Protein backbone atom coordinates (compact mmCIF):
# COMPACT_ATOMS: atom_id res chain seq x y z
CA MET A 1 32.94 158.45 10.97
CA ARG A 2 34.99 160.15 12.76
CA LYS A 3 39.51 160.93 12.11
CA ILE A 4 41.72 159.82 15.05
CA SER A 5 43.51 162.44 16.71
CA ILE A 6 45.31 160.83 19.96
CA THR A 7 45.72 164.28 21.95
CA ALA A 8 46.04 164.69 25.84
CA MET A 9 42.94 162.67 27.32
CA ILE A 10 41.07 166.39 29.25
CA LEU A 11 41.20 166.80 33.41
CA LEU A 12 37.74 165.42 32.38
CA LEU A 13 38.71 161.59 31.75
CA ILE A 14 41.10 162.29 35.06
CA SER A 15 37.59 163.33 36.66
CA MET A 16 35.50 161.19 34.84
CA PHE A 17 37.47 158.00 36.59
CA SER A 18 38.04 160.27 39.70
CA LEU A 19 34.11 159.94 39.77
CA ALA A 20 33.33 156.49 38.50
CA ALA A 21 35.46 154.91 39.75
CA CYS A 22 34.86 150.84 38.12
CA SER A 23 31.11 150.63 38.06
CA SER A 24 28.89 147.82 39.49
CA SER A 25 27.60 145.91 36.56
CA GLY A 26 24.88 145.72 39.49
CA SER A 27 22.55 142.11 38.62
CA SER A 28 23.51 139.61 36.87
CA GLU A 29 20.16 139.87 34.42
CA ASN A 30 20.49 142.60 31.82
CA LYS A 31 16.75 144.80 31.95
CA ALA A 32 13.93 144.61 29.09
CA ALA A 33 13.56 147.31 26.88
CA GLY A 34 11.05 148.85 28.47
CA ASP A 35 11.54 147.91 32.44
CA GLY A 36 13.47 150.97 34.57
CA GLY A 37 15.07 153.87 33.09
CA ASN A 38 13.72 156.38 30.20
CA SER A 39 9.75 155.82 29.89
CA ASP A 40 7.19 157.69 30.10
CA THR A 41 3.56 157.13 31.18
CA LYS A 42 2.65 156.60 27.01
CA GLY A 43 5.55 153.24 27.72
CA THR A 44 7.56 155.43 25.79
CA THR A 45 10.62 153.73 26.12
CA THR A 46 13.93 156.57 25.47
CA LEU A 47 17.47 155.31 24.27
CA ARG A 48 19.71 157.50 24.31
CA PHE A 49 22.73 157.26 21.33
CA ALA A 50 25.20 160.19 21.46
CA THR A 51 27.54 161.05 18.28
CA TRP A 52 30.43 162.28 17.13
CA ASP A 53 28.59 163.74 12.92
CA SER A 54 27.49 166.96 12.34
CA GLY A 55 25.88 168.59 9.50
CA GLU A 56 24.86 165.39 6.67
CA ALA A 57 26.65 162.85 8.39
CA LEU A 58 23.91 163.68 11.20
CA LYS A 59 21.52 163.84 9.27
CA ILE A 60 21.88 159.96 7.92
CA GLN A 61 22.43 159.23 11.38
CA GLN A 62 19.40 160.68 12.66
CA ASP A 63 17.30 158.42 9.63
CA ILE A 64 18.70 155.42 10.76
CA ALA A 65 16.89 155.80 13.89
CA LYS A 66 14.15 156.94 12.85
CA LYS A 67 14.22 153.22 11.15
CA PHE A 68 14.78 151.13 14.11
CA GLU A 69 11.94 153.17 15.74
CA GLU A 70 9.34 152.65 12.81
CA LYS A 71 11.41 148.39 14.19
CA ASN A 72 10.45 149.13 17.15
CA PRO A 73 7.10 150.20 17.96
CA GLY A 74 7.53 151.66 21.73
CA VAL A 75 10.88 152.58 21.25
CA LYS A 76 11.88 155.96 20.99
CA VAL A 77 16.31 156.81 20.22
CA GLN A 78 16.93 160.53 21.48
CA VAL A 79 20.35 161.64 19.18
CA GLU A 80 22.83 163.17 21.17
CA ALA A 81 25.25 165.69 19.01
CA TYR A 82 28.39 166.07 20.93
CA GLY A 83 30.34 167.80 17.60
CA ASP A 84 33.97 168.36 18.59
CA GLY A 85 32.57 168.48 21.93
CA PHE A 86 32.20 164.71 21.83
CA ASP A 87 35.12 163.25 24.83
CA GLN A 88 34.38 166.02 26.61
CA LYS A 89 30.30 165.81 27.25
CA LEU A 90 30.61 162.04 27.16
CA ALA A 91 33.48 162.27 30.36
CA ALA A 92 31.25 164.14 31.37
CA SER A 93 28.15 162.29 31.48
CA PHE A 94 29.84 158.82 32.55
CA GLY A 95 31.28 161.14 35.55
CA ALA A 96 28.04 162.24 36.48
CA LYS A 97 26.43 158.27 36.48
CA ASN A 98 23.98 159.68 33.68
CA PRO A 99 26.04 158.10 30.32
CA PRO A 100 23.80 158.01 26.93
CA ASP A 101 23.10 153.78 25.90
CA VAL A 102 24.48 153.89 22.93
CA MET A 103 27.52 155.74 21.49
CA TYR A 104 30.39 156.16 19.03
CA MET A 105 33.78 154.49 20.28
CA TRP A 106 36.75 154.86 19.48
CA ASN A 107 39.49 155.86 22.50
CA PHE A 108 38.54 152.45 24.59
CA PRO A 109 42.13 152.41 26.67
CA ALA A 110 40.18 155.50 27.73
CA TYR A 111 36.13 154.36 28.76
CA VAL A 112 36.75 150.40 28.62
CA GLU A 113 36.27 150.87 32.45
CA SER A 114 32.36 151.85 31.62
CA LEU A 115 32.63 150.20 28.70
CA GLU A 116 29.32 147.17 28.02
CA PRO A 117 31.78 144.20 27.13
CA LEU A 118 29.58 142.81 23.98
CA ASP A 119 31.09 139.42 24.15
CA GLN A 120 27.99 137.97 25.94
CA TYR A 121 25.46 139.44 23.70
CA ILE A 122 27.23 138.29 19.95
CA LYS A 123 27.73 135.28 21.02
CA GLY A 124 23.82 134.79 21.91
CA ASP A 125 22.35 135.21 18.74
CA PRO A 126 23.06 133.20 15.65
CA GLU A 127 22.04 136.42 13.34
CA MET A 128 25.09 138.17 14.63
CA ASP A 129 28.11 136.33 11.62
CA LEU A 130 31.13 138.29 12.33
CA ASN A 131 33.06 136.53 9.78
CA ASP A 132 30.85 138.70 7.31
CA TYR A 133 33.14 141.67 9.12
CA TYR A 134 36.76 142.14 8.23
CA GLN A 135 38.03 140.64 10.41
CA GLY A 136 41.43 144.06 11.11
CA LEU A 137 39.02 145.76 12.83
CA PHE A 138 38.15 143.61 15.45
CA ASN A 139 41.67 144.73 16.50
CA TYR A 140 40.61 148.01 17.14
CA SER A 141 37.63 148.55 18.82
CA SER A 142 39.21 144.81 21.29
CA LEU A 143 40.31 145.70 24.58
CA ASN A 144 41.91 142.40 26.98
CA GLY A 145 40.30 139.56 24.83
CA LYS A 146 36.36 141.39 24.89
CA ILE A 147 35.21 143.46 22.00
CA TYR A 148 33.60 147.04 23.65
CA GLY A 149 32.26 147.72 20.41
CA MET A 150 30.41 146.97 17.24
CA PRO A 151 32.66 148.27 14.13
CA ALA A 152 30.37 151.48 12.10
CA GLY A 153 32.73 152.24 10.18
CA PHE A 154 36.70 152.54 8.32
CA THR A 155 38.78 154.10 6.60
CA THR A 156 42.54 153.42 5.75
CA ARG A 157 45.17 156.15 4.39
CA VAL A 158 46.19 155.41 0.30
CA VAL A 159 47.21 158.59 -2.06
CA TYR A 160 45.90 160.55 -4.19
CA TYR A 161 47.42 161.83 -7.45
CA ASN A 162 45.81 164.34 -10.04
CA LYS A 163 46.12 162.36 -13.93
CA ASP A 164 45.77 165.60 -15.68
CA LEU A 165 49.47 167.20 -13.76
CA PHE A 166 51.06 163.17 -14.36
CA ASP A 167 49.87 163.15 -17.83
CA GLN A 168 51.63 167.28 -18.20
CA ALA A 169 55.19 165.91 -17.28
CA LYS A 170 54.95 162.08 -19.52
CA ILE A 171 54.44 160.61 -15.74
CA PRO A 172 53.03 157.33 -15.75
CA TYR A 173 50.33 156.70 -12.56
CA PRO A 174 51.59 154.90 -9.91
CA LYS A 175 51.04 151.32 -8.92
CA ASP A 176 50.10 149.20 -6.54
CA GLY A 177 53.98 147.93 -4.91
CA TRP A 178 56.15 151.00 -5.93
CA THR A 179 58.35 152.16 -3.30
CA TRP A 180 59.54 155.35 -1.21
CA ASP A 181 61.95 155.50 -3.89
CA ASP A 182 59.79 155.70 -6.64
CA PHE A 183 57.38 158.75 -4.86
CA LYS A 184 59.86 160.09 -4.48
CA GLN A 185 61.57 160.99 -7.31
CA ILE A 186 57.62 161.50 -9.08
CA ALA A 187 57.53 164.04 -6.83
CA LYS A 188 61.08 165.47 -7.73
CA LYS A 189 59.60 165.28 -11.43
CA LEU A 190 56.24 167.11 -10.44
CA SER A 191 57.58 170.09 -8.36
CA ASP A 192 58.17 173.82 -9.43
CA PRO A 193 58.64 176.07 -6.66
CA SER A 194 58.87 179.05 -9.57
CA LYS A 195 54.49 177.84 -9.96
CA LYS A 196 54.55 177.47 -6.21
CA GLN A 197 53.64 173.51 -7.45
CA TYR A 198 55.20 170.40 -5.86
CA GLY A 199 54.98 166.73 -6.06
CA PHE A 200 53.20 166.72 -1.89
CA GLY A 201 52.12 167.83 0.38
CA VAL A 202 53.48 167.87 4.11
CA VAL A 203 51.03 169.33 7.00
CA PRO A 204 53.15 170.47 9.37
CA GLU A 205 52.55 168.99 12.59
CA PRO A 206 51.22 165.41 11.78
CA ASP A 207 48.94 163.93 13.62
CA THR A 208 50.91 160.75 15.48
CA TYR A 209 48.35 157.69 14.82
CA ASP A 210 48.63 158.61 10.78
CA LEU A 211 52.19 158.55 10.75
CA GLN A 212 52.24 154.88 12.07
CA GLY A 213 51.63 153.33 8.45
CA LEU A 214 55.19 154.93 7.11
CA ILE A 215 56.83 153.50 9.86
CA TRP A 216 55.45 150.60 10.43
CA SER A 217 55.95 149.97 6.73
CA ASN A 218 59.79 150.46 7.25
CA GLY A 219 60.03 148.11 10.17
CA GLY A 220 59.68 150.98 12.93
CA SER A 221 57.68 151.22 16.19
CA TYR A 222 57.68 154.03 18.39
CA ILE A 223 56.38 151.20 21.69
CA SER A 224 56.83 147.61 21.96
CA ASP A 225 54.39 144.74 20.66
CA ASP A 226 53.14 145.04 24.78
CA GLY A 227 53.88 147.95 25.28
CA LYS A 228 56.58 147.78 28.09
CA LYS A 229 59.93 149.36 26.05
CA ILE A 230 59.89 152.48 24.13
CA ASN A 231 63.87 153.96 23.88
CA GLY A 232 65.05 150.96 20.50
CA TYR A 233 61.83 151.99 18.98
CA MET A 234 60.63 155.70 18.90
CA ASN A 235 64.09 156.79 18.42
CA SER A 236 65.48 153.76 16.09
CA PRO A 237 66.65 153.80 12.70
CA GLU A 238 63.42 152.44 10.73
CA THR A 239 61.62 154.69 13.11
CA ILE A 240 64.03 157.97 12.26
CA GLU A 241 64.75 156.78 7.67
CA ALA A 242 61.10 156.74 8.02
CA ILE A 243 60.46 160.35 9.53
CA SER A 244 62.90 161.45 7.66
CA VAL A 245 61.24 160.79 4.99
CA LEU A 246 59.35 163.27 4.92
CA SER A 247 61.32 165.70 6.20
CA ASP A 248 63.91 165.05 3.26
CA MET A 249 61.56 166.04 0.80
CA LEU A 250 60.53 168.60 2.03
CA LYS A 251 64.54 169.96 2.17
CA ASP A 252 64.82 169.29 -1.51
CA LYS A 253 61.20 171.49 -2.47
CA SER A 254 59.91 167.73 -4.12
CA ALA A 255 57.35 168.35 -0.61
CA VAL A 256 55.60 171.34 0.70
CA LEU A 257 53.91 172.13 4.50
CA VAL A 258 50.30 172.33 4.02
CA GLY A 259 47.36 172.77 6.36
CA GLY A 260 49.23 175.08 8.85
CA LYS A 261 47.89 178.23 10.85
CA ASN A 262 46.35 180.29 7.92
CA GLN A 263 47.32 178.41 5.46
CA GLN A 264 44.78 176.26 3.04
CA SER A 265 44.72 172.79 4.02
CA GLY A 266 45.46 169.53 1.46
CA ASP A 267 42.13 168.97 0.18
CA ASP A 268 41.83 172.63 -1.04
CA ILE A 269 45.50 172.70 -2.44
CA PHE A 270 45.56 169.26 -4.57
CA LYS A 271 41.85 170.60 -6.20
CA ALA A 272 43.80 173.70 -7.56
CA GLY A 273 46.26 171.49 -8.30
CA LYS A 274 49.09 172.83 -7.03
CA ILE A 275 50.66 169.82 -4.65
CA ALA A 276 50.89 166.57 -7.76
CA MET A 277 50.03 164.03 -4.61
CA TRP A 278 48.09 163.69 -1.62
CA GLU A 279 48.59 161.03 1.35
CA SER A 280 44.49 160.82 2.62
CA GLY A 281 42.23 158.79 3.96
CA VAL A 282 38.17 158.24 2.21
CA TRP A 283 37.10 162.17 3.75
CA PRO A 284 37.71 164.23 0.43
CA LEU A 285 36.95 161.86 -2.41
CA GLU A 286 33.85 163.35 -2.71
CA GLY A 287 35.10 165.92 -2.72
CA PHE A 288 37.28 165.78 -5.97
CA LYS A 289 34.55 164.62 -7.36
CA GLN A 290 32.42 167.58 -6.80
CA ALA A 291 35.40 169.35 -8.20
CA LYS A 292 36.18 167.40 -10.95
CA ILE A 293 39.53 166.60 -10.63
CA ASN A 294 41.45 163.79 -12.29
CA PHE A 295 42.48 161.56 -10.53
CA GLY A 296 43.26 158.61 -9.25
CA THR A 297 44.70 156.63 -5.64
CA VAL A 298 47.13 153.68 -5.38
CA GLU A 299 48.42 151.88 -2.13
CA VAL A 300 51.02 153.95 0.22
CA PRO A 301 54.53 153.74 -1.04
CA SER A 302 56.93 150.72 0.46
CA PHE A 303 60.04 150.84 2.03
CA GLY A 304 62.35 148.55 -0.73
CA SER A 305 60.64 144.86 -0.47
CA LYS A 306 59.22 145.58 3.33
CA PRO A 307 55.65 145.46 2.46
CA ALA A 308 53.71 148.17 2.96
CA LYS A 309 52.04 148.72 5.72
CA GLY A 310 48.60 151.14 7.01
CA VAL A 311 46.73 151.78 10.54
CA ILE A 312 42.76 152.57 10.08
CA ALA A 313 40.57 155.29 11.43
CA SER A 314 38.06 153.99 12.72
CA SER A 315 34.47 154.27 14.61
CA ALA A 316 32.94 151.98 17.31
CA VAL A 317 28.95 151.86 18.84
CA SER A 318 29.35 150.51 21.92
CA ILE A 319 26.28 149.97 25.32
CA ALA A 320 27.45 152.17 28.34
CA LYS A 321 28.43 149.60 31.00
CA ASP A 322 25.01 152.10 33.45
CA SER A 323 22.67 152.19 31.40
CA ASN A 324 19.58 150.48 31.89
CA HIS A 325 18.40 148.97 28.80
CA LYS A 326 21.16 147.66 27.95
CA ASP A 327 18.93 144.42 25.36
CA LEU A 328 17.72 147.41 23.74
CA ALA A 329 20.62 149.35 23.09
CA TYR A 330 22.43 146.00 21.63
CA LYS A 331 19.21 145.71 19.89
CA PHE A 332 20.16 148.51 17.68
CA VAL A 333 23.98 148.22 17.90
CA LYS A 334 22.95 145.62 16.09
CA PHE A 335 20.80 147.77 13.05
CA TYR A 336 23.08 150.04 13.37
CA SER A 337 25.87 147.73 12.07
CA SER A 338 23.57 146.46 9.62
CA PRO A 339 23.49 145.84 5.73
CA GLU A 340 20.41 148.08 5.79
CA ALA A 341 22.29 150.27 8.08
CA ILE A 342 26.07 150.41 6.33
CA LYS A 343 24.06 151.19 3.74
CA MET A 344 22.26 154.37 4.65
CA ARG A 345 25.65 155.90 5.74
CA THR A 346 27.85 158.01 3.47
CA ALA A 347 30.97 158.99 4.95
CA ASP A 348 32.87 156.32 5.35
CA LEU A 349 33.08 152.69 4.19
CA PRO A 350 31.31 149.99 4.60
CA VAL A 351 32.85 147.52 7.51
CA ARG A 352 31.06 144.30 5.99
CA ILE A 353 32.46 142.48 3.53
CA SER A 354 28.69 140.90 2.02
CA VAL A 355 27.63 145.06 1.84
CA VAL A 356 31.20 145.69 -0.04
CA LYS A 357 30.88 142.93 -1.99
CA GLU A 358 27.31 143.71 -3.25
CA MET A 359 28.41 146.84 -3.80
CA LYS A 360 30.89 145.72 -5.91
CA MET A 361 32.96 148.33 -4.24
CA GLU A 362 35.95 146.69 -3.94
CA GLN A 363 34.99 146.51 -8.16
CA ASP A 364 35.81 150.75 -7.87
CA PRO A 365 39.24 151.95 -9.39
CA ASN A 366 39.40 154.50 -6.76
CA LEU A 367 38.16 152.37 -3.89
CA SER A 368 40.12 149.99 -3.94
CA PRO A 369 42.75 151.13 -2.63
CA PHE A 370 40.75 151.83 0.63
CA TYR A 371 40.23 147.61 1.25
CA LYS A 372 43.97 146.52 -0.52
CA MET A 373 45.43 148.54 2.34
CA LEU A 374 43.03 147.03 5.12
CA GLU A 375 44.76 143.80 4.47
CA ARG A 376 48.01 145.52 5.43
CA SER A 377 46.30 147.57 8.28
CA ASP A 378 47.65 144.65 11.21
CA ASN A 379 49.25 146.36 13.74
CA THR A 380 47.83 147.26 16.81
CA PRO A 381 47.95 151.56 16.95
CA ALA A 382 50.24 152.04 19.92
CA PHE A 383 47.72 154.39 22.03
CA LEU A 384 46.52 150.79 22.34
CA LEU A 385 49.31 149.72 24.29
CA ASN A 386 49.80 151.48 26.98
CA LYS A 387 47.82 153.55 29.07
CA ASN A 388 49.94 156.70 29.03
CA TRP A 389 50.83 157.17 25.96
CA ASN A 390 48.52 160.16 26.00
CA GLU A 391 51.57 161.28 27.78
CA ILE A 392 54.04 159.67 25.73
CA ASN A 393 52.55 161.04 22.67
CA ARG A 394 53.23 164.45 24.20
CA ASN A 395 56.57 164.12 24.03
CA LEU A 396 56.51 162.13 20.43
CA SER A 397 54.32 164.98 18.70
CA ALA A 398 56.36 167.89 19.90
CA ALA A 399 59.36 165.82 18.36
CA ILE A 400 58.09 165.10 14.92
CA ASN A 401 56.77 168.80 14.66
CA ALA A 402 60.65 170.18 15.06
CA VAL A 403 60.86 167.61 11.89
CA MET A 404 59.36 169.19 10.13
CA LEU A 405 60.83 171.75 9.87
CA GLY A 406 64.08 171.39 9.91
CA GLN A 407 65.27 170.40 13.25
CA ASP A 408 66.96 166.44 13.71
CA ALA A 409 65.70 163.67 13.65
CA LYS A 410 68.18 161.70 15.51
CA LYS A 411 68.19 163.69 18.45
CA LEU A 412 64.75 164.50 18.93
CA LEU A 413 63.44 160.90 18.93
CA ASN A 414 66.19 160.57 21.54
CA THR A 415 64.98 162.49 24.21
CA ALA A 416 61.40 162.13 23.20
CA ALA A 417 61.69 158.36 24.13
CA GLU A 418 63.94 159.30 27.64
CA ASP A 419 61.49 162.06 28.15
CA SER A 420 58.65 159.67 28.26
CA GLU A 421 60.67 156.53 29.62
CA ARG A 422 59.18 157.76 32.91
CA TYR A 423 55.52 157.21 31.34
CA LEU A 424 55.74 153.06 31.41
CA LYS A 425 57.09 152.57 35.53
């Protein structure tokens, strides 16, 4: 699974749509497996699948592809590992009218014109039970009332805490339902700058996407629900207060900046026992286990009586509108979403309720908070609400980065909101 980072989309996306415009879906009938497209003289049909994974995660994708081939004789799944250049390569392939048949997907607004809606396949498939999926995930892979990607994996964000540091300070472990006032008091008690030990770690350039859970928890947001207003949202008192929580903790030295240029990552500093609490997704969990860190996880804090809110980092599997093998592509997407394939994947959390219950994951004290936060993740991320979000986000990101360095949050967010208004016209 890829951690979502809402950065400015590169110029290739612009060229993609100027070259491709809105590609026609051609015949009303999808081409069946083996018809046209990539077939060799032996009658083998090649299905191309693009992924951003690398290393061990890529090996798992290749194993899933092999399983699909075993179940579908005459089919070869060509796994294309785009790695860190995923968006650039995918955009170029769409622009050249030669996209992979199936691909990992997260940035649906950027690619929606080039993706095949899946509703017609799902409705005609009695074996596809959408009720077995966590429904909030479809909020991240649907646009304009249509499903453009089947959920493949996800993570919410939780707070990791070092039990040994809590024990040494005789502080009870945090529990679900705690507040930011609780969090700040605990962080202060667990900080000793003379030992370079701090209660919490904050990245110097926070991902604005990840911060949305914090802001939603305080009743704020970057943009209105209809995606048409920024002023009064990005710079609202609730948004300013939420962002200021982190900068205030940095000022009083109950938190420290981690993971900046030439700095250790927050994961590594948490492993070293130099920060007592660390907020992240599921990605570092196995590494903490392997490092034999005595840790626990807990839901993110709330702002008083306001409900804590979460944001999802998700991945989905989509089909190219220009694919010559749409039926076969859907068959692969369906297999990729099957319990068998989901169990093969270990880098993220299962998206199907039946798999989670079978594996008793909700009973695992370290995994349970991720699923509790999933229930709290029903807000729509800003990038899905306005097609110009990448441009807007440049202003927002610059403002928040400056706030983390001690500058005035209200002034900076007012300026960011004012400068972003032109992108709404």
